[in-house]
Amino acid sequence: MFVLRSLLIRSSKSSSSSSSSSSLVVVVVVVVVVAAAVVVVVVAVVVVVVVVVVEAVAAAAVHLPLTLCENTKAFG
């Protein structure tokens, strides 16, 4: 009877530790998924900012020579 009780206690302890380890795995998976989502959002924001800056610089580069030509014609 004592052996059976000690085996039952051991099995309940091992099942509780396995459930805590499985909950730890769930927490780790959730943290990894959230971190990946944050990285994707940050990369998307950086790409949008780079595209906007490049387009603004390209538009200014196209517009600047025209403005300089018009200014020289006005003064010339």
C-alpha atoms as a PDB file:
ATOM      1  CA  MET A   1       0.000   0.000   0.000  1.00  0.00           C
ATOM      2  CA  PHE A   2       2.812   2.419   0.853  1.00  0.00           C
ATOM      3  CA  VAL A   3       4.564   1.681  -2.443  1.00  0.00           C
ATOM      4  CA  LEU A   4       1.375   2.353  -4.374  1.00  0.00           C
ATOM      5  CA  ARG A   5       0.869   5.656  -2.559  1.00  0.00           C
ATOM      6  CA  SER A   6       4.453   6.770  -3.221  1.00  0.00           C
ATOM      7  CA  LEU A   7       4.092   5.859  -6.910  1.00  0.00           C
ATOM      8  CA  LEU A   8       0.869   7.834  -7.090  1.00  0.00           C
ATOM      9  CA  ILE A   9       2.538  10.872  -5.506  1.00  0.00           C
ATOM     10  CA  ARG A  10       5.473  10.596  -7.912  1.00  0.00           C
ATOM     11  CA  SER A  11       3.203  10.357 -10.927  1.00  0.00           C
ATOM     12  CA  SER A  12       1.172  13.372  -9.811  1.00  0.00           C
ATOM     13  CA  LYS A  13       4.372  15.385  -9.295  1.00  0.00           C
ATOM     14  CA  SER A  14       5.695  14.410 -12.706  1.00  0.00           C
ATOM     15  CA  SER A  15       2.402  15.288 -14.394  1.00  0.00           C
ATOM     16  CA  SER A  16       2.341  18.695 -12.721  1.00  0.00           C
ATOM     17  CA  SER A  17       5.910  19.371 -13.792  1.00  0.00           C
ATOM     18  CA  SER A  18       5.130  18.285 -17.343  1.00  0.00           C
ATOM     19  CA  SER A  19       2.104  20.574 -17.424  1.00  0.00           C
ATOM     20  CA  SER A  20       4.223  23.479 -16.199  1.00  0.00           C
ATOM     21  CA  SER A  21       6.838  22.714 -18.843  1.00  0.00           C
ATOM     22  CA  SER A  22       4.152  22.558 -21.531  1.00  0.00           C
ATOM     23  CA  SER A  23       2.789  25.913 -20.380  1.00  0.00           C
ATOM     24  CA  LEU A  24       6.330  27.251 -20.551  1.00  0.00           C
ATOM     25  CA  VAL A  25       6.555  26.015 -24.138  1.00  0.00           C
ATOM     26  CA  VAL A  26       3.280  27.796 -24.935  1.00  0.00           C
ATOM     27  CA  VAL A  27       4.605  31.023 -23.403  1.00  0.00           C
ATOM     28  CA  VAL A  28       7.843  30.754 -25.393  1.00  0.00           C
ATOM     29  CA  VAL A  29       5.932  30.130 -28.628  1.00  0.00           C
ATOM     30  CA  VAL A  30       3.669  33.125 -27.987  1.00  0.00           C
ATOM     31  CA  VAL A  31       6.667  35.361 -27.241  1.00  0.00           C
ATOM     32  CA  VAL A  32       8.422  34.229 -30.428  1.00  0.00           C
ATOM     33  CA  VAL A  33       5.306  34.834 -32.543  1.00  0.00           C
ATOM     34  CA  VAL A  34       4.786  38.310 -31.047  1.00  0.00           C
ATOM     35  CA  ALA A  35       8.455  39.170 -31.577  1.00  0.00           C
ATOM     36  CA  ALA A  36       8.237  38.043 -35.204  1.00  0.00           C
ATOM     37  CA  ALA A  37       5.127  40.165 -35.723  1.00  0.00           C
ATOM     38  CA  VAL A  38       6.885  43.199 -34.228  1.00  0.00           C
ATOM     39  CA  VAL A  39       9.876  42.651 -36.515  1.00  0.00           C
ATOM     40  CA  VAL A  40       7.591  42.421 -39.564  1.00  0.00           C
ATOM     41  CA  VAL A  41       5.821  45.663 -38.618  1.00  0.00           C
ATOM     42  CA  VAL A  42       9.099  47.501 -37.999  1.00  0.00           C
ATOM     43  CA  VAL A  43      10.529  46.325 -41.327  1.00  0.00           C
ATOM     44  CA  ALA A  44       7.348  47.405 -43.125  1.00  0.00           C
ATOM     45  CA  VAL A  45       7.498  50.867 -41.543  1.00  0.00           C
ATOM     46  CA  VAL A  46      11.166  51.247 -42.467  1.00  0.00           C
ATOM     47  CA  VAL A  47      10.448  50.217 -46.066  1.00  0.00           C
ATOM     48  CA  VAL A  48       7.593  52.728 -46.322  1.00  0.00           C
ATOM     49  CA  VAL A  49       9.754  55.531 -44.895  1.00  0.00           C
ATOM     50  CA  VAL A  50      12.612  54.710 -47.288  1.00  0.00           C
ATOM     51  CA  VAL A  51      10.268  54.653 -50.285  1.00  0.00           C
ATOM     52  CA  VAL A  52       8.711  57.994 -49.293  1.00  0.00           C
ATOM     53  CA  VAL A  53      12.131  59.611 -48.801  1.00  0.00           C
ATOM     54  CA  VAL A  54      13.472  58.241 -52.097  1.00  0.00           C
ATOM     55  CA  GLU A  55      10.409  59.460 -53.984  1.00  0.00           C
ATOM     56  CA  ALA A  56      10.658  62.895 -52.362  1.00  0.00           C
ATOM     57  CA  VAL A  57      14.338  63.160 -53.280  1.00  0.00           C
ATOM     58  CA  ALA A  58      13.621  61.994 -56.829  1.00  0.00           C
ATOM     59  CA  ALA A  59      10.793  64.503 -57.207  1.00  0.00           C
ATOM     60  CA  ALA A  60      13.017  67.279 -55.868  1.00  0.00           C
ATOM     61  CA  ALA A  61      15.840  66.229 -58.198  1.00  0.00           C
ATOM     62  CA  VAL A  62      13.490  66.378 -61.187  1.00  0.00           C
ATOM     63  CA  HIS A  63      11.909  69.651 -60.108  1.00  0.00           C
ATOM     64  CA  LEU A  64      15.118  71.450 -59.101  1.00  0.00           C
ATOM     65  CA  PRO A  65      16.742  71.710 -62.563  1.00  0.00           C
ATOM     66  CA  LEU A  66      13.492  72.991 -64.037  1.00  0.00           C
ATOM     67  CA  THR A  67      13.267  75.647 -61.351  1.00  0.00           C
ATOM     68  CA  LEU A  68      16.879  76.670 -61.907  1.00  0.00           C
ATOM     69  CA  CYS A  69      16.295  76.948 -65.662  1.00  0.00           C
ATOM     70  CA  GLU A  70      13.188  79.070 -65.127  1.00  0.00           C
ATOM     71  CA  ASN A  71      15.044  81.307 -62.672  1.00  0.00           C
ATOM     72  CA  THR A  72      17.941  81.781 -65.083  1.00  0.00           C
ATOM     73  CA  LYS A  73      15.557  82.587 -67.923  1.00  0.00           C
ATOM     74  CA  ALA A  74      13.773  85.124 -65.736  1.00  0.00           C
ATOM     75  CA  PHE A  75      17.007  86.855 -64.843  1.00  0.00           C
ATOM     76  CA  GLY A  76      18.616  86.364 -68.231  1.00  0.00           C
END
